[in-house]
């Protein structure tokens, strides 16, 4: 069992930055690829970015490429999402999730493959 707790959300003006954190407890954090997803009101949950177990590989949705950066610290059991140049369309609840599968950039976007999810943190970007 893995417990995930997100933090760092809030209200920010367009063009601003936020850093989200996701702290994990339970089974070995470093055995999971980690992903960030987001869900805006009235929309389906969508893939944002993922990072491999070691942190050496990452994969970004086109909508955030060049603006968001994912990283992880396995010693601290934490994954981070640095979000820069935020836009109003980035407004959503952001969730971190743990994926036990072999790294595969196609399957990373498949929500059903993630075993554990956090409760989410709200990010609101005002125009």
C-alpha atoms as a PDB file:
ATOM      1  CA  UNK A   1       0.000   0.000   0.000  1.00  0.00           C
ATOM      2  CA  UNK A   2       1.221   3.490  -0.891  1.00  0.00           C
ATOM      3  CA  UNK A   3      -0.240   6.672   0.498  1.00  0.00           C
ATOM      4  CA  UNK A   4       0.218   9.855  -1.538  1.00  0.00           C
ATOM      5  CA  UNK A   5      -0.356  13.375  -0.275  1.00  0.00           C
ATOM      6  CA  UNK A   6      -0.159  16.391  -2.583  1.00  0.00           C
ATOM      7  CA  UNK A   7       0.542  19.935  -1.459  1.00  0.00           C
ATOM      8  CA  UNK A   8       1.518  23.293  -2.895  1.00  0.00           C
ATOM      9  CA  UNK A   9      -1.595  24.234  -4.819  1.00  0.00           C
ATOM     10  CA  UNK A  10      -3.122  27.684  -4.653  1.00  0.00           C
ATOM     11  CA  UNK A  11      -4.216  30.778  -6.525  1.00  0.00           C
ATOM     12  CA  UNK A  12      -1.759  32.456  -8.868  1.00  0.00           C
ATOM     13  CA  UNK A  13      -1.948  35.035 -11.628  1.00  0.00           C
ATOM     14  CA  UNK A  14      -1.322  34.091 -15.235  1.00  0.00           C
ATOM     15  CA  UNK A  15       2.391  33.959 -15.926  1.00  0.00           C
ATOM     16  CA  UNK A  16       3.166  32.986 -12.359  1.00  0.00           C
ATOM     17  CA  UNK A  17       4.648  29.827 -10.876  1.00  0.00           C
ATOM     18  CA  UNK A  18       3.754  27.143  -8.391  1.00  0.00           C
ATOM     19  CA  UNK A  19       5.574  24.078  -7.108  1.00  0.00           C
ATOM     20  CA  UNK A  20       3.556  21.032  -6.218  1.00  0.00           C
ATOM     21  CA  UNK A  21       4.838  18.261  -3.999  1.00  0.00           C
ATOM     22  CA  UNK A  22       3.640  14.709  -3.564  1.00  0.00           C
ATOM     23  CA  UNK A  23       4.865  12.870  -0.488  1.00  0.00           C
ATOM     24  CA  UNK A  24       4.661   9.081  -0.444  1.00  0.00           C
ATOM     25  CA  UNK A  25       4.595   6.642   2.415  1.00  0.00           C
ATOM     26  CA  UNK A  26       4.198   2.910   2.603  1.00  0.00           C
ATOM     27  CA  UNK A  27       5.852   0.565   0.150  1.00  0.00           C
ATOM     28  CA  UNK A  28       9.120   1.481  -1.537  1.00  0.00           C
ATOM     29  CA  UNK A  29       8.646   4.739  -3.407  1.00  0.00           C
ATOM     30  CA  UNK A  30      11.512   4.090  -5.803  1.00  0.00           C
ATOM     31  CA  UNK A  31       9.790   1.039  -7.285  1.00  0.00           C
ATOM     32  CA  UNK A  32       7.114   3.221  -8.890  1.00  0.00           C
ATOM     33  CA  UNK A  33       7.030   5.463 -11.880  1.00  0.00           C
ATOM     34  CA  UNK A  34       5.211   8.580 -10.769  1.00  0.00           C
ATOM     35  CA  UNK A  35       2.729  10.643 -12.714  1.00  0.00           C
ATOM     36  CA  UNK A  36       0.839  13.902 -12.395  1.00  0.00           C
ATOM     37  CA  UNK A  37      -2.676  14.216 -13.767  1.00  0.00           C
ATOM     38  CA  UNK A  38      -5.161  17.047 -13.631  1.00  0.00           C
ATOM     39  CA  UNK A  39      -8.908  17.438 -13.814  1.00  0.00           C
ATOM     40  CA  UNK A  40     -10.708  20.660 -14.637  1.00  0.00           C
ATOM     41  CA  UNK A  41     -14.408  21.163 -13.817  1.00  0.00           C
ATOM     42  CA  UNK A  42     -16.615  19.256 -16.242  1.00  0.00           C
ATOM     43  CA  UNK A  43     -13.662  17.560 -17.912  1.00  0.00           C
ATOM     44  CA  UNK A  44     -12.028  14.169 -17.725  1.00  0.00           C
ATOM     45  CA  UNK A  45      -8.840  13.620 -15.810  1.00  0.00           C
ATOM     46  CA  UNK A  46      -5.876  14.111 -18.123  1.00  0.00           C
ATOM     47  CA  UNK A  47      -2.230  13.136 -18.134  1.00  0.00           C
ATOM     48  CA  UNK A  48       0.288  15.907 -17.439  1.00  0.00           C
ATOM     49  CA  UNK A  49       3.703  14.340 -16.923  1.00  0.00           C
ATOM     50  CA  UNK A  50       5.454  11.230 -15.611  1.00  0.00           C
ATOM     51  CA  UNK A  51       8.884  10.334 -14.301  1.00  0.00           C
ATOM     52  CA  UNK A  52      10.602   6.963 -14.167  1.00  0.00           C
ATOM     53  CA  UNK A  53      11.681   5.164 -11.021  1.00  0.00           C
ATOM     54  CA  UNK A  54      15.234   6.467 -11.211  1.00  0.00           C
ATOM     55  CA  UNK A  55      14.225   9.926 -12.382  1.00  0.00           C
ATOM     56  CA  UNK A  56      16.294   9.598 -15.546  1.00  0.00           C
ATOM     57  CA  UNK A  57      13.304   9.500 -17.890  1.00  0.00           C
ATOM     58  CA  UNK A  58      10.404  11.912 -18.125  1.00  0.00           C
ATOM     59  CA  UNK A  59       7.443  12.316 -20.428  1.00  0.00           C
ATOM     60  CA  UNK A  60       5.314  15.447 -20.812  1.00  0.00           C
ATOM     61  CA  UNK A  61       1.971  16.229 -22.341  1.00  0.00           C
ATOM     62  CA  UNK A  62       2.375  18.680 -25.210  1.00  0.00           C
ATOM     63  CA  UNK A  63       0.246  21.236 -23.377  1.00  0.00           C
ATOM     64  CA  UNK A  64       2.816  21.659 -20.592  1.00  0.00           C
ATOM     65  CA  UNK A  65       6.070  20.913 -22.370  1.00  0.00           C
ATOM     66  CA  UNK A  66       8.599  23.676 -21.792  1.00  0.00           C
ATOM     67  CA  UNK A  67       6.619  25.145 -18.870  1.00  0.00           C
ATOM     68  CA  UNK A  68       6.377  22.325 -16.327  1.00  0.00           C
ATOM     69  CA  UNK A  69       9.212  20.268 -14.866  1.00  0.00           C
ATOM     70  CA  UNK A  70       8.862  17.037 -12.931  1.00  0.00           C
ATOM     71  CA  UNK A  71      11.509  15.749 -10.547  1.00  0.00           C
ATOM     72  CA  UNK A  72      11.774  13.274  -7.710  1.00  0.00           C
ATOM     73  CA  UNK A  73      13.852  12.707  -4.623  1.00  0.00           C
ATOM     74  CA  UNK A  74      13.769   9.024  -3.745  1.00  0.00           C
ATOM     75  CA  UNK A  75      15.577   9.656  -0.460  1.00  0.00           C
ATOM     76  CA  UNK A  76      12.682  11.887   0.589  1.00  0.00           C
ATOM     77  CA  UNK A  77       9.943   9.782  -1.046  1.00  0.00           C
ATOM     78  CA  UNK A  78       8.730  12.882  -2.840  1.00  0.00           C
ATOM     79  CA  UNK A  79       7.921  13.888  -6.406  1.00  0.00           C
ATOM     80  CA  UNK A  80       7.701  17.522  -7.452  1.00  0.00           C
ATOM     81  CA  UNK A  81       6.008  19.457 -10.215  1.00  0.00           C
ATOM     82  CA  UNK A  82       7.432  22.899 -10.952  1.00  0.00           C
ATOM     83  CA  UNK A  83       4.904  24.869 -12.967  1.00  0.00           C
ATOM     84  CA  UNK A  84       6.024  28.069 -14.677  1.00  0.00           C
ATOM     85  CA  UNK A  85       4.314  30.445 -17.100  1.00  0.00           C
ATOM     86  CA  UNK A  86       0.954  29.314 -15.825  1.00  0.00           C
ATOM     87  CA  UNK A  87      -2.131  29.911 -17.930  1.00  0.00           C
ATOM     88  CA  UNK A  88      -5.818  30.065 -16.953  1.00  0.00           C
ATOM     89  CA  UNK A  89      -6.329  26.784 -18.794  1.00  0.00           C
ATOM     90  CA  UNK A  90      -3.984  25.112 -16.309  1.00  0.00           C
ATOM     91  CA  UNK A  91      -6.663  25.578 -13.645  1.00  0.00           C
ATOM     92  CA  UNK A  92      -7.565  22.146 -12.284  1.00  0.00           C
ATOM     93  CA  UNK A  93      -7.212  19.762  -9.402  1.00  0.00           C
ATOM     94  CA  UNK A  94      -3.792  18.145  -9.713  1.00  0.00           C
ATOM     95  CA  UNK A  95      -3.262  14.541  -8.649  1.00  0.00           C
ATOM     96  CA  UNK A  96      -0.133  12.488  -8.276  1.00  0.00           C
ATOM     97  CA  UNK A  97      -0.251   8.765  -8.918  1.00  0.00           C
ATOM     98  CA  UNK A  98       2.020   5.717  -8.643  1.00  0.00           C
ATOM     99  CA  UNK A  99       2.533   3.329 -11.554  1.00  0.00           C
ATOM    100  CA  UNK A 100       4.180  -0.073 -10.952  1.00  0.00           C
ATOM    101  CA  UNK A 101       4.548  -1.020 -14.629  1.00  0.00           C
ATOM    102  CA  UNK A 102       7.572  -1.051 -16.859  1.00  0.00           C
ATOM    103  CA  UNK A 103       8.256   2.415 -18.258  1.00  0.00           C
ATOM    104  CA  UNK A 104       6.273   2.877 -21.475  1.00  0.00           C
ATOM    105  CA  UNK A 105       5.431   6.330 -22.791  1.00  0.00           C
ATOM    106  CA  UNK A 106       2.151   5.186 -24.312  1.00  0.00           C
ATOM    107  CA  UNK A 107       0.838   3.386 -21.256  1.00  0.00           C
ATOM    108  CA  UNK A 108       1.884   6.243 -18.957  1.00  0.00           C
ATOM    109  CA  UNK A 109      -1.106   8.229 -20.167  1.00  0.00           C
ATOM    110  CA  UNK A 110      -3.498   5.410 -19.246  1.00  0.00           C
ATOM    111  CA  UNK A 111      -5.141   6.285 -15.942  1.00  0.00           C
ATOM    112  CA  UNK A 112      -6.154   2.687 -15.299  1.00  0.00           C
ATOM    113  CA  UNK A 113      -2.533   1.617 -14.956  1.00  0.00           C
ATOM    114  CA  UNK A 114      -1.885   3.677 -11.847  1.00  0.00           C
ATOM    115  CA  UNK A 115      -2.379   1.802  -8.605  1.00  0.00           C
ATOM    116  CA  UNK A 116      -2.378   4.632  -6.076  1.00  0.00           C
ATOM    117  CA  UNK A 117      -3.642   8.196  -6.143  1.00  0.00           C
ATOM    118  CA  UNK A 118      -3.427  11.211  -3.903  1.00  0.00           C
ATOM    119  CA  UNK A 119      -6.405  13.303  -2.872  1.00  0.00           C
ATOM    120  CA  UNK A 120      -5.505  16.168  -5.188  1.00  0.00           C
ATOM    121  CA  UNK A 121      -4.541  19.809  -4.763  1.00  0.00           C
ATOM    122  CA  UNK A 122      -6.354  22.733  -6.380  1.00  0.00           C
ATOM    123  CA  UNK A 123      -4.475  25.026  -8.744  1.00  0.00           C
ATOM    124  CA  UNK A 124      -6.284  28.151  -9.884  1.00  0.00           C
ATOM    125  CA  UNK A 125      -4.754  30.537 -12.413  1.00  0.00           C
ATOM    126  CA  UNK A 126      -6.438  33.904 -12.784  1.00  0.00           C
ATOM    127  CA  UNK A 127      -6.274  35.939 -15.977  1.00  0.00           C
END
